[in-house]
Protein backbone atom coordinates (compact mmCIF):
# COMPACT_ATOMS: atom_id res chain seq x y z
CA MET A 1 22.34 2.45 -4.33
CA ALA A 2 25.21 1.75 -7.13
CA SER A 3 27.48 1.67 -4.39
CA ILE A 4 25.48 -1.01 -2.55
CA VAL A 5 25.34 -3.09 -5.80
CA SER A 6 29.30 -2.89 -6.37
CA SER A 7 29.75 -4.18 -3.00
CA TYR A 8 28.12 -7.62 -3.85
CA GLY A 9 30.03 -7.69 -6.95
CA GLY A 10 27.79 -6.33 -9.61
CA GLN A 11 28.31 -3.91 -12.33
CA PRO A 12 25.82 -0.88 -11.58
CA VAL A 13 24.17 0.43 -14.65
CA SER A 14 22.46 3.66 -13.18
CA ALA A 15 19.43 5.03 -15.12
CA PRO A 16 17.72 7.93 -13.17
CA SER A 17 14.04 7.77 -14.36
CA MET A 18 12.33 10.78 -12.49
CA ARG A 19 12.60 14.12 -10.85
CA GLU A 20 10.50 15.72 -8.40
CA VAL A 21 8.78 18.89 -9.88
CA PRO A 22 7.14 21.16 -7.25
CA LEU A 23 3.71 22.71 -8.28
CA GLU A 24 4.33 26.26 -9.30
CA SER A 25 0.93 27.37 -8.54
CA ASN A 26 -0.63 25.28 -5.74
CA PRO A 27 -3.92 26.75 -4.71
CA ASP A 28 -4.86 23.27 -3.27
CA ALA A 29 -2.13 23.27 -0.70
CA ILE A 30 -2.65 26.88 0.29
CA ALA A 31 -6.64 26.34 0.71
CA PHE A 32 -5.66 23.24 2.86
CA ALA A 33 -3.29 25.30 5.15
CA ASP A 34 -6.13 28.07 5.52
CA ALA A 35 -8.79 25.47 6.34
CA LEU A 36 -6.15 23.69 8.75
CA GLU A 37 -5.78 27.03 10.58
CA ARG A 38 -9.53 27.44 10.85
CA GLY A 39 -9.75 23.81 12.39
CA GLY A 40 -11.28 22.48 9.11
CA PHE A 41 -9.69 18.99 9.57
CA ASP A 42 -9.83 16.18 11.84
CA LEU A 43 -7.04 14.26 10.25
CA VAL A 44 -4.26 14.94 8.27
CA ILE A 45 -2.51 12.01 6.37
CA LEU A 46 1.22 12.46 5.16
CA LEU A 47 2.35 9.89 2.40
CA THR A 48 5.73 11.00 1.94
CA GLY A 49 8.82 13.17 3.46
CA VAL A 50 9.34 14.88 0.43
CA GLY A 51 5.74 15.91 -0.25
CA ALA A 52 5.61 17.04 3.45
CA ARG A 53 8.65 19.00 3.14
CA ALA A 54 7.27 20.64 -0.02
CA LEU A 55 4.00 21.44 1.48
CA VAL A 56 5.65 23.25 4.49
CA ALA A 57 7.85 24.99 1.84
CA VAL A 58 4.76 26.17 -0.36
CA VAL A 59 3.11 27.59 2.79
CA GLU A 60 6.41 29.33 3.83
CA ARG A 61 7.01 30.84 0.59
CA VAL A 62 3.38 32.12 -0.40
CA ARG A 63 3.03 33.61 3.38
CA GLY A 64 6.54 34.55 4.47
CA SER A 65 6.07 32.42 7.74
CA ARG A 66 5.20 28.76 8.28
CA ASP A 67 4.74 29.14 12.05
CA SER A 68 0.88 29.37 12.17
CA PHE A 69 0.62 26.36 9.67
CA VAL A 70 2.98 24.16 12.05
CA ARG A 71 0.96 25.09 15.15
CA ALA A 72 -2.33 24.18 13.27
CA LEU A 73 -0.89 20.92 12.34
CA GLY A 74 0.37 20.25 15.87
CA ARG A 75 -3.07 20.51 16.98
CA THR A 76 -4.38 18.22 14.71
CA LYS A 77 -4.54 14.40 14.50
CA VAL A 78 -1.45 13.45 12.06
CA VAL A 79 -1.06 9.95 10.46
CA ALA A 80 2.54 9.22 8.86
CA ARG A 81 2.54 6.65 6.01
CA GLY A 82 6.04 5.80 6.98
CA PRO A 83 9.47 6.64 8.62
CA LYS A 84 10.46 9.62 6.12
CA PRO A 85 7.09 11.78 6.92
CA VAL A 86 7.88 10.90 10.72
CA ALA A 87 11.23 12.58 10.36
CA VAL A 88 9.82 15.63 8.43
CA LEU A 89 7.30 16.00 11.82
CA ARG A 90 9.82 15.36 14.48
CA GLU A 91 11.99 18.10 12.70
CA LEU A 92 8.94 20.62 13.13
CA GLU A 93 8.16 19.27 16.53
CA VAL A 94 5.04 18.24 15.56
CA PRO A 95 3.55 15.16 17.08
CA VAL A 96 2.78 11.96 15.24
CA TRP A 97 -0.58 10.48 16.19
CA LEU A 98 -0.49 7.37 14.09
CA THR A 99 2.22 5.63 12.09
CA ALA A 100 1.58 3.01 9.56
CA PRO A 101 3.59 -0.09 9.84
CA GLU A 102 5.81 -1.95 7.21
CA PRO A 103 5.49 -2.09 4.27
CA ASN A 104 3.91 1.41 4.72
CA THR A 105 1.20 1.16 1.46
CA TRP A 106 -2.26 2.36 1.72
CA ARG A 107 -3.43 -0.85 2.93
CA GLU A 108 -1.42 -0.32 6.36
CA VAL A 109 -2.58 3.28 6.62
CA LEU A 110 -6.30 1.98 6.41
CA SER A 111 -5.69 -1.08 8.61
CA ALA A 112 -3.69 1.40 11.30
CA LEU A 113 -6.90 3.77 11.35
CA ASP A 114 -9.14 0.59 11.68
CA GLY A 115 -7.42 -0.44 14.60
CA LYS A 116 -8.08 3.18 16.13
CA GLN A 117 -11.85 2.97 15.39
CA GLY A 118 -12.85 2.77 19.05
CA GLU A 119 -10.61 5.75 19.88
CA PHE A 120 -11.34 7.74 16.75
CA SER A 121 -14.09 6.79 14.22
CA LEU A 122 -13.63 7.89 10.74
CA SER A 123 -17.29 8.37 10.19
CA GLY A 124 -18.24 12.10 9.39
CA ARG A 125 -14.53 13.09 9.97
CA ARG A 126 -12.79 15.69 7.51
CA VAL A 127 -9.74 14.01 6.74
CA ALA A 128 -6.70 15.64 4.30
CA VAL A 129 -4.59 13.51 2.13
CA GLN A 130 -1.08 14.80 1.13
CA GLU A 131 -0.67 13.31 -2.26
CA TYR A 132 2.84 12.16 -4.02
CA GLY A 133 2.69 12.89 -7.45
CA ALA A 134 -0.54 10.88 -8.25
CA SER A 135 -3.84 10.43 -6.62
CA ASN A 136 -4.19 7.47 -4.56
CA PRO A 137 -7.67 6.03 -5.64
CA ASP A 138 -7.71 3.15 -3.56
CA LEU A 139 -6.82 4.99 -0.03
CA VAL A 140 -9.45 7.75 -0.97
CA SER A 141 -11.89 5.16 -1.68
CA GLY A 142 -11.19 3.21 1.53
CA LEU A 143 -11.38 6.38 3.56
CA GLU A 144 -14.76 7.39 2.05
CA ALA A 145 -16.04 4.04 2.45
CA ARG A 146 -15.59 4.18 6.12
CA GLY A 147 -17.59 7.76 6.14
CA ALA A 148 -14.58 10.31 5.86
CA HIS A 149 -15.07 13.42 3.88
CA VAL A 150 -11.65 13.44 1.99
CA THR A 151 -9.82 16.16 0.52
CA ARG A 152 -6.88 15.58 -1.77
CA VAL A 153 -3.74 17.84 -1.33
CA PRO A 154 -1.34 17.54 -4.10
CA VAL A 155 1.88 19.12 -3.58
CA TYR A 156 4.25 17.87 -6.34
CA GLN A 157 4.41 15.68 -9.50
CA TRP A 158 6.93 13.46 -11.07
CA ALA A 159 8.41 14.29 -14.54
CA LEU A 160 11.14 12.44 -16.60
CA PRO A 161 14.89 13.57 -15.79
CA ASP A 162 16.17 16.70 -17.71
CA ASP A 163 18.58 14.64 -18.91
CA LEU A 164 17.26 11.37 -20.29
CA ALA A 165 20.62 9.64 -22.07
CA PRO A 166 21.13 7.61 -19.07
CA LEU A 167 17.64 6.36 -19.00
CA GLU A 168 17.64 5.81 -22.38
CA ALA A 169 20.85 3.73 -22.38
CA GLY A 170 19.37 1.48 -19.77
CA VAL A 171 16.32 1.04 -21.63
CA ARG A 172 18.20 0.11 -24.94
CA ALA A 173 20.42 -2.23 -22.43
CA ILE A 174 17.07 -4.06 -21.12
CA ALA A 175 15.85 -4.32 -24.71
CA ASP A 176 18.99 -5.88 -25.96
CA GLY A 177 19.28 -8.39 -23.46
CA ARG A 178 22.51 -6.65 -21.80
CA ILE A 179 20.90 -6.53 -18.13
CA ASP A 180 20.62 -9.26 -15.64
CA VAL A 181 18.89 -7.39 -12.62
CA VAL A 182 16.48 -4.47 -12.64
CA LEU A 183 15.86 -2.83 -9.33
CA PHE A 184 12.82 -0.54 -9.15
CA THR A 185 12.33 1.55 -5.94
CA THR A 186 9.11 3.42 -6.77
CA ALA A 187 5.82 2.73 -9.10
CA THR A 188 6.68 5.93 -11.14
CA GLN A 189 9.92 4.36 -12.22
CA VAL A 190 8.31 1.79 -13.76
CA VAL A 191 5.72 3.87 -15.66
CA HIS A 192 8.82 6.17 -16.99
CA LEU A 193 10.66 3.14 -17.96
CA LEU A 194 7.89 2.14 -20.50
CA LYS A 195 7.18 5.41 -21.45
CA VAL A 196 10.82 5.94 -22.72
CA GLY A 197 10.71 2.61 -24.23
CA GLU A 198 7.71 3.83 -26.28
CA MET A 199 9.54 6.87 -27.33
CA LEU A 200 12.41 5.20 -28.70
CA GLY A 201 10.25 2.45 -30.35
CA VAL A 202 11.59 -0.50 -28.36
CA HIS A 203 8.30 -0.99 -25.97
CA ASP A 204 8.06 -4.92 -26.96
CA ALA A 205 11.53 -5.39 -26.72
CA VAL A 206 11.74 -3.77 -23.31
CA ARG A 207 9.11 -6.00 -21.92
CA LYS A 208 10.83 -9.08 -23.47
CA GLY A 209 13.97 -8.15 -21.80
CA LEU A 210 12.27 -7.91 -18.67
CA LYS A 211 10.72 -11.14 -18.87
CA ASN A 212 14.42 -12.75 -19.21
CA CYS A 213 15.97 -10.83 -16.24
CA VAL A 214 15.34 -10.61 -12.55
CA VAL A 215 12.69 -7.77 -11.99
CA ALA A 216 13.01 -6.71 -8.19
CA SER A 217 10.50 -4.46 -6.52
CA ILE A 218 11.28 -2.75 -3.30
CA GLY A 219 7.58 -3.21 -2.06
CA PRO A 220 3.66 -3.78 -2.64
CA THR A 221 2.89 -0.42 -3.97
CA THR A 222 5.51 -0.59 -6.81
CA SER A 223 4.46 -4.32 -7.31
CA GLU A 224 0.87 -3.35 -7.89
CA GLU A 225 2.18 -0.84 -10.54
CA MET A 226 4.34 -3.41 -12.28
CA ARG A 227 1.14 -5.80 -12.33
CA GLU A 228 -1.10 -3.22 -13.75
CA GLN A 229 1.62 -2.67 -16.60
CA GLY A 230 1.54 -6.35 -17.28
CA ILE A 231 5.13 -7.02 -15.49
CA GLU A 232 5.38 -9.72 -12.82
CA PRO A 233 8.01 -8.91 -10.32
CA ASP A 234 10.34 -11.82 -9.20
CA LEU A 235 11.24 -10.90 -5.83
CA GLU A 236 10.57 -8.04 -3.12
CA PRO A 237 12.79 -7.89 -0.10
CA THR A 238 11.72 -8.64 3.59
CA HIS A 239 11.98 -5.11 4.35
CA PRO A 240 11.05 -1.95 1.81
CA LYS A 241 14.49 -0.45 2.08
CA MET A 242 17.07 -0.14 -0.73
CA GLY A 243 19.75 -2.07 1.32
CA PHE A 244 17.46 -4.99 1.58
CA LEU A 245 16.62 -4.94 -1.97
CA VAL A 246 20.01 -4.90 -3.21
CA ARG A 247 21.16 -7.78 -0.81
CA GLU A 248 18.39 -10.10 -1.60
CA ALA A 249 18.63 -9.53 -5.20
CA ALA A 250 22.43 -10.56 -4.93
CA GLU A 251 21.44 -13.52 -3.09
CA ARG A 252 18.83 -14.89 -5.18
CA ALA A 253 19.51 -13.77 -8.52
CA SER A 254 21.66 -16.52 -10.04
CA GLU A 255 18.74 -19.05 -9.30
CA ILE A 256 15.88 -16.80 -10.56
CA LEU A 257 17.95 -16.01 -13.91
CA GLN A 258 18.67 -19.89 -14.08
CA LYS A 259 15.19 -20.72 -14.07
CA LYS A 260 13.62 -17.82 -16.07
CA ARG A 261 16.16 -18.44 -18.97
CA LEU A 262 15.92 -21.93 -19.29
C-alpha cells in the first residue's frame, strides 16, 4: 500500500495498527465443527478469508485432519461475504452457495439472503456465523429477525502490534498536524488508533488532527465504526479495494484539504 501511495507522489507513513491473534483455546470452533459434521447447521456464513483459514487450521490442529470437516462444509449451504472467503472455499473445493456483492457488508449479506427467500427461507434455520475478531450484532439480529437460530463461531481476535513504535509515531504525527491524509482499511484500525492516542495522552489532539486532514475509509463497515467514534470520513472509494482507495484519495485530497483547512 505504501508503494501505491508513492506511485501517486505521496510520502507514505506506515503505521501498522493490528495483528491477528488466533484463539489459543477455541472450544466454540471445535463444537461448531462437531455439530456441522452431524448435520447440525442449514447455513454457514463465512465473513473473512483469514477467519475461514483459521477455522480450518484449528480443526486440523485439534483433530489431526480437516477432511471430514471440509466434506461436511461441502454438504452445507455456504455464504461468503466477499472474494477472500470465496478464494479459501475454492482452495478447499467447497461450493459457494451465495456471495454477497460489494461493498460486502452485513447489509449485503442480508440482502442477498432475502433475494433467496423463495428458495431458502431463514425461518427456523440453524445458521452459523464465522466471526472476525468481534461479533457483528447487526448481522446476528438481522438473521434472528428473519427467524434464524444463530450460532456465533469466533475464530480469531485483533490485538495491537507487538511493536507499537510505528503506530505511536503515526499517532503523534496526526496529533501534531504533520499528516495530510489518513487511510483506514478496517474498522479495528480506527479503534486502535484512538486507543493508542489515549495511551499517549494525545487523544483530543488526534481527533483535532483528523478534522484537519483527509480521512479516507475503504468502505461502509469502516465508515460506520468511524461515525460511532465521532469521526466523519471524507471519502470512500468507488470499490472497497486498496488500489481504488489510494487512487481516489490522491485525486481528491487537494480539494478536500483546501476546503477543510479554510
